[in-house]
ModelCIF file with pLDDT and N, C-alpha, C, O atoms, coordinates in Angstrom:
data_MODEL
#
_entry.id   MODEL 
#
_entity.id                         1 
_entity.type                       polymer 
_entity.pdbx_number_of_molecules   1 
#
_entity_poly.entity_id                      1 
_entity_poly.type                           'polypeptide(L)' 
_entity_poly.nstd_linkage                   no 
_entity_poly.nstd_monomer                   no 
_entity_poly.pdbx_seq_one_letter_code       GKKHFVKEVEVCAHLRLTSPQEYLEGNNCLVIPTDTIKNIVLV 
_entity_poly.pdbx_seq_one_letter_code_can   GKKHFVKEVEVCAHLRLTSPQEYLEGNNCLVIPTDTIKNIVLV 
_entity_poly.pdbx_strand_id                 A 
#
loop_
_entity_poly_seq.entity_id 
_entity_poly_seq.num 
_entity_poly_seq.mon_id 
_entity_poly_seq.hetero 
1 1  GLY n 
1 2  LYS n 
1 3  LYS n 
1 4  HIS n 
1 5  PHE n 
1 6  VAL n 
1 7  LYS n 
1 8  GLU n 
1 9  VAL n 
1 10 GLU n 
1 11 VAL n 
1 12 CYS n 
1 13 ALA n 
1 14 HIS n 
1 15 LEU n 
1 16 ARG n 
1 17 LEU n 
1 18 THR n 
1 19 SER n 
1 20 PRO n 
1 21 GLN n 
1 22 GLU n 
1 23 TYR n 
1 24 LEU n 
1 25 GLU n 
1 26 GLY n 
1 27 ASN n 
1 28 ASN n 
1 29 CYS n 
1 30 LEU n 
1 31 VAL n 
1 32 ILE n 
1 33 PRO n 
1 34 THR n 
1 35 ASP n 
1 36 THR n 
1 37 ILE n 
1 38 LYS n 
1 39 ASN n 
1 40 ILE n 
1 41 VAL n 
1 42 LEU n 
1 43 VAL n 
#
_struct_asym.id          A 
_struct_asym.entity_id   1 
#
loop_
_ma_qa_metric.id 
_ma_qa_metric.mode 
_ma_qa_metric.name 
_ma_qa_metric.software_group_id 
_ma_qa_metric.type 
1 global pLDDT . pLDDT 
2 local  pLDDT . pLDDT 
#
_ma_qa_metric_global.metric_id      1 
_ma_qa_metric_global.metric_value   96.60 
_ma_qa_metric_global.model_id       1 
_ma_qa_metric_global.ordinal_id     1 
#
loop_
_ma_qa_metric_local.label_asym_id 
_ma_qa_metric_local.label_comp_id 
_ma_qa_metric_local.label_seq_id 
_ma_qa_metric_local.metric_id 
_ma_qa_metric_local.metric_value 
_ma_qa_metric_local.model_id 
_ma_qa_metric_local.ordinal_id 
A GLY 1  2 95.00 1 1  
A LYS 2  2 94.00 1 2  
A LYS 3  2 95.00 1 3  
A HIS 4  2 96.00 1 4  
A PHE 5  2 96.00 1 5  
A VAL 6  2 96.00 1 6  
A LYS 7  2 96.00 1 7  
A GLU 8  2 97.00 1 8  
A VAL 9  2 98.00 1 9  
A GLU 10 2 98.00 1 10 
A VAL 11 2 98.00 1 11 
A CYS 12 2 98.00 1 12 
A ALA 13 2 98.00 1 13 
A HIS 14 2 97.00 1 14 
A LEU 15 2 97.00 1 15 
A ARG 16 2 97.00 1 16 
A LEU 17 2 97.00 1 17 
A THR 18 2 96.00 1 18 
A SER 19 2 95.00 1 19 
A PRO 20 2 94.00 1 20 
A GLN 21 2 96.00 1 21 
A GLU 22 2 95.00 1 22 
A TYR 23 2 95.00 1 23 
A LEU 24 2 96.00 1 24 
A GLU 25 2 97.00 1 25 
A GLY 26 2 96.00 1 26 
A ASN 27 2 96.00 1 27 
A ASN 28 2 97.00 1 28 
A CYS 29 2 97.00 1 29 
A LEU 30 2 97.00 1 30 
A VAL 31 2 97.00 1 31 
A ILE 32 2 97.00 1 32 
A PRO 33 2 97.00 1 33 
A THR 34 2 97.00 1 34 
A ASP 35 2 97.00 1 35 
A THR 36 2 97.00 1 36 
A ILE 37 2 97.00 1 37 
A LYS 38 2 97.00 1 38 
A ASN 39 2 97.00 1 39 
A ILE 40 2 98.00 1 40 
A VAL 41 2 98.00 1 41 
A LEU 42 2 97.00 1 42 
A VAL 43 2 98.00 1 43 
#
loop_
_atom_site.group_PDB 
_atom_site.id 
_atom_site.type_symbol 
_atom_site.label_atom_id 
_atom_site.label_alt_id 
_atom_site.label_comp_id 
_atom_site.label_asym_id 
_atom_site.label_entity_id 
_atom_site.label_seq_id 
_atom_site.pdbx_PDB_ins_code 
_atom_site.Cartn_x 
_atom_site.Cartn_y 
_atom_site.Cartn_z 
_atom_site.occupancy 
_atom_site.B_iso_or_equiv 
_atom_site.pdbx_formal_charge 
_atom_site.auth_seq_id 
_atom_site.auth_comp_id 
_atom_site.auth_asym_id 
_atom_site.auth_atom_id 
_atom_site.pdbx_PDB_model_num 
ATOM 1   N N  . GLY A 1 1  ? 7.109   27.694  10.979 1.00 95.00 ? 1  GLY A N  1 
ATOM 2   C CA . GLY A 1 1  ? 7.900   28.844  10.548 1.00 95.00 ? 1  GLY A CA 1 
ATOM 3   C C  . GLY A 1 1  ? 8.989   28.389  9.585  1.00 95.00 ? 1  GLY A C  1 
ATOM 4   O O  . GLY A 1 1  ? 8.709   27.702  8.602  1.00 95.00 ? 1  GLY A O  1 
ATOM 5   N N  . LYS A 1 2  ? 10.211  28.768  9.867  1.00 94.00 ? 2  LYS A N  1 
ATOM 6   C CA . LYS A 1 2  ? 11.320  28.354  9.010  1.00 94.00 ? 2  LYS A CA 1 
ATOM 7   C C  . LYS A 1 2  ? 11.835  26.952  9.352  1.00 94.00 ? 2  LYS A C  1 
ATOM 8   O O  . LYS A 1 2  ? 12.585  26.359  8.577  1.00 94.00 ? 2  LYS A O  1 
ATOM 9   N N  . LYS A 1 3  ? 11.432  26.424  10.508 1.00 95.00 ? 3  LYS A N  1 
ATOM 10  C CA . LYS A 1 3  ? 11.947  25.133  10.949 1.00 95.00 ? 3  LYS A CA 1 
ATOM 11  C C  . LYS A 1 3  ? 11.128  23.993  10.355 1.00 95.00 ? 3  LYS A C  1 
ATOM 12  O O  . LYS A 1 3  ? 9.898   24.016  10.390 1.00 95.00 ? 3  LYS A O  1 
ATOM 13  N N  . HIS A 1 4  ? 11.823  22.996  9.810  1.00 96.00 ? 4  HIS A N  1 
ATOM 14  C CA . HIS A 1 4  ? 11.188  21.848  9.186  1.00 96.00 ? 4  HIS A CA 1 
ATOM 15  C C  . HIS A 1 4  ? 11.363  20.605  10.068 1.00 96.00 ? 4  HIS A C  1 
ATOM 16  O O  . HIS A 1 4  ? 12.374  20.442  10.751 1.00 96.00 ? 4  HIS A O  1 
ATOM 17  N N  . PHE A 1 5  ? 10.344  19.735  10.032 1.00 96.00 ? 5  PHE A N  1 
ATOM 18  C CA . PHE A 1 5  ? 10.403  18.456  10.719 1.00 96.00 ? 5  PHE A CA 1 
ATOM 19  C C  . PHE A 1 5  ? 10.045  17.372  9.697  1.00 96.00 ? 5  PHE A C  1 
ATOM 20  O O  . PHE A 1 5  ? 9.134   17.550  8.888  1.00 96.00 ? 5  PHE A O  1 
ATOM 21  N N  . VAL A 1 6  ? 10.775  16.240  9.742  1.00 96.00 ? 6  VAL A N  1 
ATOM 22  C CA . VAL A 1 6  ? 10.501  15.165  8.788  1.00 96.00 ? 6  VAL A CA 1 
ATOM 23  C C  . VAL A 1 6  ? 10.246  13.866  9.540  1.00 96.00 ? 6  VAL A C  1 
ATOM 24  O O  . VAL A 1 6  ? 10.806  13.619  10.609 1.00 96.00 ? 6  VAL A O  1 
ATOM 25  N N  . LYS A 1 7  ? 9.392   13.051  8.954  1.00 96.00 ? 7  LYS A N  1 
ATOM 26  C CA . LYS A 1 7  ? 9.129   11.713  9.456  1.00 96.00 ? 7  LYS A CA 1 
ATOM 27  C C  . LYS A 1 7  ? 8.906   10.829  8.227  1.00 96.00 ? 7  LYS A C  1 
ATOM 28  O O  . LYS A 1 7  ? 7.879   10.926  7.556  1.00 96.00 ? 7  LYS A O  1 
ATOM 29  N N  . GLU A 1 8  ? 9.893   9.960   7.944  1.00 97.00 ? 8  GLU A N  1 
ATOM 30  C CA . GLU A 1 8  ? 9.769   9.032   6.821  1.00 97.00 ? 8  GLU A CA 1 
ATOM 31  C C  . GLU A 1 8  ? 9.463   7.651   7.374  1.00 97.00 ? 8  GLU A C  1 
ATOM 32  O O  . GLU A 1 8  ? 10.173  7.152   8.247  1.00 97.00 ? 8  GLU A O  1 
ATOM 33  N N  . VAL A 1 9  ? 8.404   7.035   6.865  1.00 98.00 ? 9  VAL A N  1 
ATOM 34  C CA . VAL A 1 9  ? 7.947   5.763   7.412  1.00 98.00 ? 9  VAL A CA 1 
ATOM 35  C C  . VAL A 1 9  ? 7.624   4.774   6.297  1.00 98.00 ? 9  VAL A C  1 
ATOM 36  O O  . VAL A 1 9  ? 7.470   5.127   5.128  1.00 98.00 ? 9  VAL A O  1 
ATOM 37  N N  . GLU A 1 10 ? 7.532   3.525   6.722  1.00 98.00 ? 10 GLU A N  1 
ATOM 38  C CA . GLU A 1 10 ? 7.041   2.440   5.867  1.00 98.00 ? 10 GLU A CA 1 
ATOM 39  C C  . GLU A 1 10 ? 5.899   1.763   6.616  1.00 98.00 ? 10 GLU A C  1 
ATOM 40  O O  . GLU A 1 10 ? 6.050   1.387   7.778  1.00 98.00 ? 10 GLU A O  1 
ATOM 41  N N  . VAL A 1 11 ? 4.769   1.609   5.955  1.00 98.00 ? 11 VAL A N  1 
ATOM 42  C CA . VAL A 1 11 ? 3.568   1.092   6.601  1.00 98.00 ? 11 VAL A CA 1 
ATOM 43  C C  . VAL A 1 11 ? 3.106   -0.174  5.899  1.00 98.00 ? 11 VAL A C  1 
ATOM 44  O O  . VAL A 1 11 ? 3.125   -0.260  4.671  1.00 98.00 ? 11 VAL A O  1 
ATOM 45  N N  . CYS A 1 12 ? 2.691   -1.154  6.688  1.00 98.00 ? 12 CYS A N  1 
ATOM 46  C CA . CYS A 1 12 ? 1.985   -2.328  6.177  1.00 98.00 ? 12 CYS A CA 1 
ATOM 47  C C  . CYS A 1 12 ? 0.629   -2.377  6.883  1.00 98.00 ? 12 CYS A C  1 
ATOM 48  O O  . CYS A 1 12 ? 0.566   -2.374  8.112  1.00 98.00 ? 12 CYS A O  1 
ATOM 49  N N  . ALA A 1 13 ? -0.431  -2.420  6.119  1.00 98.00 ? 13 ALA A N  1 
ATOM 50  C CA . ALA A 1 13 ? -1.781  -2.435  6.681  1.00 98.00 ? 13 ALA A CA 1 
ATOM 51  C C  . ALA A 1 13 ? -2.525  -3.669  6.171  1.00 98.00 ? 13 ALA A C  1 
ATOM 52  O O  . ALA A 1 13 ? -2.669  -3.854  4.962  1.00 98.00 ? 13 ALA A O  1 
ATOM 53  N N  . HIS A 1 14 ? -2.998  -4.514  7.093  1.00 97.00 ? 14 HIS A N  1 
ATOM 54  C CA . HIS A 1 14 ? -3.670  -5.755  6.734  1.00 97.00 ? 14 HIS A CA 1 
ATOM 55  C C  . HIS A 1 14 ? -5.058  -5.804  7.360  1.00 97.00 ? 14 HIS A C  1 
ATOM 56  O O  . HIS A 1 14 ? -5.263  -5.355  8.487  1.00 97.00 ? 14 HIS A O  1 
ATOM 57  N N  . LEU A 1 15 ? -6.001  -6.354  6.615  1.00 97.00 ? 15 LEU A N  1 
ATOM 58  C CA . LEU A 1 15 ? -7.384  -6.463  7.063  1.00 97.00 ? 15 LEU A CA 1 
ATOM 59  C C  . LEU A 1 15 ? -7.846  -7.917  7.026  1.00 97.00 ? 15 LEU A C  1 
ATOM 60  O O  . LEU A 1 15 ? -7.354  -8.714  6.228  1.00 97.00 ? 15 LEU A O  1 
ATOM 61  N N  . ARG A 1 16 ? -8.798  -8.252  7.899  1.00 97.00 ? 16 ARG A N  1 
ATOM 62  C CA . ARG A 1 16 ? -9.559  -9.495  7.773  1.00 97.00 ? 16 ARG A CA 1 
ATOM 63  C C  . ARG A 1 16 ? -11.022 -9.117  7.760  1.00 97.00 ? 16 ARG A C  1 
ATOM 64  O O  . ARG A 1 16 ? -11.477 -8.391  8.643  1.00 97.00 ? 16 ARG A O  1 
ATOM 65  N N  . LEU A 1 17 ? -11.759 -9.585  6.794  1.00 97.00 ? 17 LEU A N  1 
ATOM 66  C CA . LEU A 1 17 ? -13.165 -9.211  6.647  1.00 97.00 ? 17 LEU A CA 1 
ATOM 67  C C  . LEU A 1 17 ? -14.080 -10.177 7.397  1.00 97.00 ? 17 LEU A C  1 
ATOM 68  O O  . LEU A 1 17 ? -13.656 -11.256 7.811  1.00 97.00 ? 17 LEU A O  1 
ATOM 69  N N  . THR A 1 18 ? -15.329 -9.780  7.564  1.00 96.00 ? 18 THR A N  1 
ATOM 70  C CA . THR A 1 18 ? -16.296 -10.596 8.309  1.00 96.00 ? 18 THR A CA 1 
ATOM 71  C C  . THR A 1 18 ? -16.697 -11.852 7.550  1.00 96.00 ? 18 THR A C  1 
ATOM 72  O O  . THR A 1 18 ? -17.191 -12.807 8.151  1.00 96.00 ? 18 THR A O  1 
ATOM 73  N N  . SER A 1 19 ? -16.490 -11.862 6.233  1.00 95.00 ? 19 SER A N  1 
ATOM 74  C CA . SER A 1 19 ? -16.821 -13.032 5.414  1.00 95.00 ? 19 SER A CA 1 
ATOM 75  C C  . SER A 1 19 ? -15.650 -13.347 4.498  1.00 95.00 ? 19 SER A C  1 
ATOM 76  O O  . SER A 1 19 ? -15.028 -12.431 3.959  1.00 95.00 ? 19 SER A O  1 
ATOM 77  N N  . PRO A 1 20 ? -15.331 -14.645 4.309  1.00 94.00 ? 20 PRO A N  1 
ATOM 78  C CA . PRO A 1 20 ? -14.261 -15.028 3.378  1.00 94.00 ? 20 PRO A CA 1 
ATOM 79  C C  . PRO A 1 20 ? -14.766 -15.271 1.958  1.00 94.00 ? 20 PRO A C  1 
ATOM 80  O O  . PRO A 1 20 ? -14.151 -16.024 1.203  1.00 94.00 ? 20 PRO A O  1 
ATOM 81  N N  . GLN A 1 21 ? -15.886 -14.637 1.589  1.00 96.00 ? 21 GLN A N  1 
ATOM 82  C CA . GLN A 1 21 ? -16.517 -14.965 0.307  1.00 96.00 ? 21 GLN A CA 1 
ATOM 83  C C  . GLN A 1 21 ? -15.633 -14.624 -0.888 1.00 96.00 ? 21 GLN A C  1 
ATOM 84  O O  . GLN A 1 21 ? -15.758 -15.240 -1.947 1.00 96.00 ? 21 GLN A O  1 
ATOM 85  N N  . GLU A 1 22 ? -14.733 -13.638 -0.725 1.00 95.00 ? 22 GLU A N  1 
ATOM 86  C CA . GLU A 1 22 ? -13.847 -13.323 -1.853 1.00 95.00 ? 22 GLU A CA 1 
ATOM 87  C C  . GLU A 1 22 ? -12.877 -14.466 -2.122 1.00 95.00 ? 22 GLU A C  1 
ATOM 88  O O  . GLU A 1 22 ? -12.429 -14.653 -3.254 1.00 95.00 ? 22 GLU A O  1 
ATOM 89  N N  . TYR A 1 23 ? -12.549 -15.240 -1.070 1.00 95.00 ? 23 TYR A N  1 
ATOM 90  C CA . TYR A 1 23 ? -11.677 -16.406 -1.244 1.00 95.00 ? 23 TYR A CA 1 
ATOM 91  C C  . TYR A 1 23 ? -12.457 -17.624 -1.737 1.00 95.00 ? 23 TYR A C  1 
ATOM 92  O O  . TYR A 1 23 ? -12.017 -18.343 -2.634 1.00 95.00 ? 23 TYR A O  1 
ATOM 93  N N  . LEU A 1 24 ? -13.625 -17.837 -1.131 1.00 96.00 ? 24 LEU A N  1 
ATOM 94  C CA . LEU A 1 24 ? -14.359 -19.072 -1.399 1.00 96.00 ? 24 LEU A CA 1 
ATOM 95  C C  . LEU A 1 24 ? -15.233 -18.988 -2.649 1.00 96.00 ? 24 LEU A C  1 
ATOM 96  O O  . LEU A 1 24 ? -15.394 -19.979 -3.362 1.00 96.00 ? 24 LEU A O  1 
ATOM 97  N N  . GLU A 1 25 ? -15.799 -17.801 -2.916 1.00 97.00 ? 25 GLU A N  1 
ATOM 98  C CA . GLU A 1 25 ? -16.779 -17.675 -4.005 1.00 97.00 ? 25 GLU A CA 1 
ATOM 99  C C  . GLU A 1 25 ? -16.335 -16.728 -5.105 1.00 97.00 ? 25 GLU A C  1 
ATOM 100 O O  . GLU A 1 25 ? -16.973 -16.647 -6.155 1.00 97.00 ? 25 GLU A O  1 
ATOM 101 N N  . GLY A 1 26 ? -15.245 -16.013 -4.869 1.00 96.00 ? 26 GLY A N  1 
ATOM 102 C CA . GLY A 1 26 ? -14.825 -15.012 -5.856 1.00 96.00 ? 26 GLY A CA 1 
ATOM 103 C C  . GLY A 1 26 ? -15.714 -13.784 -5.861 1.00 96.00 ? 26 GLY A C  1 
ATOM 104 O O  . GLY A 1 26 ? -15.728 -13.032 -6.835 1.00 96.00 ? 26 GLY A O  1 
ATOM 105 N N  . ASN A 1 27 ? -16.460 -13.571 -4.780 1.00 96.00 ? 27 ASN A N  1 
ATOM 106 C CA . ASN A 1 27 ? -17.348 -12.423 -4.669 1.00 96.00 ? 27 ASN A CA 1 
ATOM 107 C C  . ASN A 1 27 ? -16.593 -11.286 -3.980 1.00 96.00 ? 27 ASN A C  1 
ATOM 108 O O  . ASN A 1 27 ? -16.243 -11.397 -2.805 1.00 96.00 ? 27 ASN A O  1 
ATOM 109 N N  . ASN A 1 28 ? -16.345 -10.206 -4.697 1.00 97.00 ? 28 ASN A N  1 
ATOM 110 C CA . ASN A 1 28 ? -15.501 -9.124  -4.193 1.00 97.00 ? 28 ASN A CA 1 
ATOM 111 C C  . ASN A 1 28 ? -16.279 -7.928  -3.645 1.00 97.00 ? 28 ASN A C  1 
ATOM 112 O O  . ASN A 1 28 ? -15.705 -6.854  -3.467 1.00 97.00 ? 28 ASN A O  1 
ATOM 113 N N  . CYS A 1 29 ? -17.560 -8.094  -3.377 1.00 97.00 ? 29 CYS A N  1 
ATOM 114 C CA . CYS A 1 29 ? -18.379 -6.927  -3.037 1.00 97.00 ? 29 CYS A CA 1 
ATOM 115 C C  . CYS A 1 29 ? -17.984 -6.290  -1.701 1.00 97.00 ? 29 CYS A C  1 
ATOM 116 O O  . CYS A 1 29 ? -18.298 -5.123  -1.472 1.00 97.00 ? 29 CYS A O  1 
ATOM 117 N N  . LEU A 1 30 ? -17.303 -7.028  -0.812 1.00 97.00 ? 30 LEU A N  1 
ATOM 118 C CA . LEU A 1 30 ? -16.882 -6.472  0.474  1.00 97.00 ? 30 LEU A CA 1 
ATOM 119 C C  . LEU A 1 30 ? -15.406 -6.059  0.485  1.00 97.00 ? 30 LEU A C  1 
ATOM 120 O O  . LEU A 1 30 ? -14.926 -5.472  1.455  1.00 97.00 ? 30 LEU A O  1 
ATOM 121 N N  . VAL A 1 31 ? -14.705 -6.366  -0.586 1.00 97.00 ? 31 VAL A N  1 
ATOM 122 C CA . VAL A 1 31 ? -13.253 -6.178  -0.600 1.00 97.00 ? 31 VAL A CA 1 
ATOM 123 C C  . VAL A 1 31 ? -12.907 -4.703  -0.797 1.00 97.00 ? 31 VAL A C  1 
ATOM 124 O O  . VAL A 1 31 ? -13.351 -4.068  -1.754 1.00 97.00 ? 31 VAL A O  1 
ATOM 125 N N  . ILE A 1 32 ? -12.114 -4.176  0.119  1.00 97.00 ? 32 ILE A N  1 
ATOM 126 C CA . ILE A 1 32 ? -11.565 -2.823  -0.013 1.00 97.00 ? 32 ILE A CA 1 
ATOM 127 C C  . ILE A 1 32 ? -10.259 -2.954  -0.785 1.00 97.00 ? 32 ILE A C  1 
ATOM 128 O O  . ILE A 1 32 ? -9.326  -3.582  -0.285 1.00 97.00 ? 32 ILE A O  1 
ATOM 129 N N  . PRO A 1 33 ? -10.156 -2.388  -1.980 1.00 97.00 ? 33 PRO A N  1 
ATOM 130 C CA . PRO A 1 33 ? -8.944  -2.578  -2.782 1.00 97.00 ? 33 PRO A CA 1 
ATOM 131 C C  . PRO A 1 33 ? -7.686  -2.139  -2.028 1.00 97.00 ? 33 PRO A C  1 
ATOM 132 O O  . PRO A 1 33 ? -7.718  -1.187  -1.248 1.00 97.00 ? 33 PRO A O  1 
ATOM 133 N N  . THR A 1 34 ? -6.596  -2.834  -2.268 1.00 97.00 ? 34 THR A N  1 
ATOM 134 C CA . THR A 1 34 ? -5.352  -2.481  -1.581 1.00 97.00 ? 34 THR A CA 1 
ATOM 135 C C  . THR A 1 34 ? -4.876  -1.081  -1.975 1.00 97.00 ? 34 THR A C  1 
ATOM 136 O O  . THR A 1 34 ? -4.190  -0.418  -1.198 1.00 97.00 ? 34 THR A O  1 
ATOM 137 N N  . ASP A 1 35 ? -5.235  -0.633  -3.172 1.00 97.00 ? 35 ASP A N  1 
ATOM 138 C CA . ASP A 1 35 ? -4.890  0.733   -3.559 1.00 97.00 ? 35 ASP A CA 1 
ATOM 139 C C  . ASP A 1 35 ? -5.647  1.744   -2.698 1.00 97.00 ? 35 ASP A C  1 
ATOM 140 O O  . ASP A 1 35 ? -5.118  2.803   -2.358 1.00 97.00 ? 35 ASP A O  1 
ATOM 141 N N  . THR A 1 36 ? -6.896  1.403   -2.349 1.00 97.00 ? 36 THR A N  1 
ATOM 142 C CA . THR A 1 36 ? -7.668  2.257   -1.449 1.00 97.00 ? 36 THR A CA 1 
ATOM 143 C C  . THR A 1 36 ? -7.040  2.288   -0.059 1.00 97.00 ? 36 THR A C  1 
ATOM 144 O O  . THR A 1 36 ? -6.975  3.338   0.582  1.00 97.00 ? 36 THR A O  1 
ATOM 145 N N  . ILE A 1 37 ? -6.578  1.123   0.399  1.00 97.00 ? 37 ILE A N  1 
ATOM 146 C CA . ILE A 1 37 ? -5.887  1.055   1.698  1.00 97.00 ? 37 ILE A CA 1 
ATOM 147 C C  . ILE A 1 37 ? -4.681  1.981   1.703  1.00 97.00 ? 37 ILE A C  1 
ATOM 148 O O  . ILE A 1 37 ? -4.464  2.723   2.661  1.00 97.00 ? 37 ILE A O  1 
ATOM 149 N N  . LYS A 1 38 ? -3.894  1.937   0.631  1.00 97.00 ? 38 LYS A N  1 
ATOM 150 C CA . LYS A 1 38 ? -2.721  2.807   0.530  1.00 97.00 ? 38 LYS A CA 1 
ATOM 151 C C  . LYS A 1 38 ? -3.128  4.277   0.584  1.00 97.00 ? 38 LYS A C  1 
ATOM 152 O O  . LYS A 1 38 ? -2.513  5.068   1.299  1.00 97.00 ? 38 LYS A O  1 
ATOM 153 N N  . ASN A 1 39 ? -4.158  4.642   -0.166 1.00 97.00 ? 39 ASN A N  1 
ATOM 154 C CA . ASN A 1 39 ? -4.585  6.047   -0.199 1.00 97.00 ? 39 ASN A CA 1 
ATOM 155 C C  . ASN A 1 39 ? -5.101  6.513   1.163  1.00 97.00 ? 39 ASN A C  1 
ATOM 156 O O  . ASN A 1 39 ? -4.876  7.657   1.557  1.00 97.00 ? 39 ASN A O  1 
ATOM 157 N N  . ILE A 1 40 ? -5.785  5.632   1.875  1.00 98.00 ? 40 ILE A N  1 
ATOM 158 C CA . ILE A 1 40 ? -6.277  5.986   3.213  1.00 98.00 ? 40 ILE A CA 1 
ATOM 159 C C  . ILE A 1 40 ? -5.110  6.286   4.149  1.00 98.00 ? 40 ILE A C  1 
ATOM 160 O O  . ILE A 1 40 ? -5.155  7.252   4.912  1.00 98.00 ? 40 ILE A O  1 
ATOM 161 N N  . VAL A 1 41 ? -4.064  5.460   4.092  1.00 98.00 ? 41 VAL A N  1 
ATOM 162 C CA . VAL A 1 41 ? -2.885  5.682   4.931  1.00 98.00 ? 41 VAL A CA 1 
ATOM 163 C C  . VAL A 1 41 ? -2.270  7.048   4.631  1.00 98.00 ? 41 VAL A C  1 
ATOM 164 O O  . VAL A 1 41 ? -1.901  7.779   5.550  1.00 98.00 ? 41 VAL A O  1 
ATOM 165 N N  . LEU A 1 42 ? -2.162  7.391   3.356  1.00 97.00 ? 42 LEU A N  1 
ATOM 166 C CA . LEU A 1 42 ? -1.573  8.676   2.974  1.00 97.00 ? 42 LEU A CA 1 
ATOM 167 C C  . LEU A 1 42 ? -2.455  9.846   3.428  1.00 97.00 ? 42 LEU A C  1 
ATOM 168 O O  . LEU A 1 42 ? -1.953  10.874  3.881  1.00 97.00 ? 42 LEU A O  1 
ATOM 169 N N  . VAL A 1 43 ? -3.771  9.675   3.300  1.00 98.00 ? 43 VAL A N  1 
ATOM 170 C CA . VAL A 1 43 ? -4.685  10.743  3.718  1.00 98.00 ? 43 VAL A CA 1 
ATOM 171 C C  . VAL A 1 43 ? -4.620  10.954  5.230  1.00 98.00 ? 43 VAL A C  1 
ATOM 172 O O  . VAL A 1 43 ? -5.321  11.813  5.764  1.00 98.00 ? 43 VAL A O  1 
#
């Protein structure tokens, strides 16, 4: 109605993948971009 509620937060979201190939081989096929992570949090 006319009453408003606010919640302001700061989020840090970190992942570990099943394979370290992006570190060892430069293969990014499993990497979820950090921009995507941010958008998921907002959604």
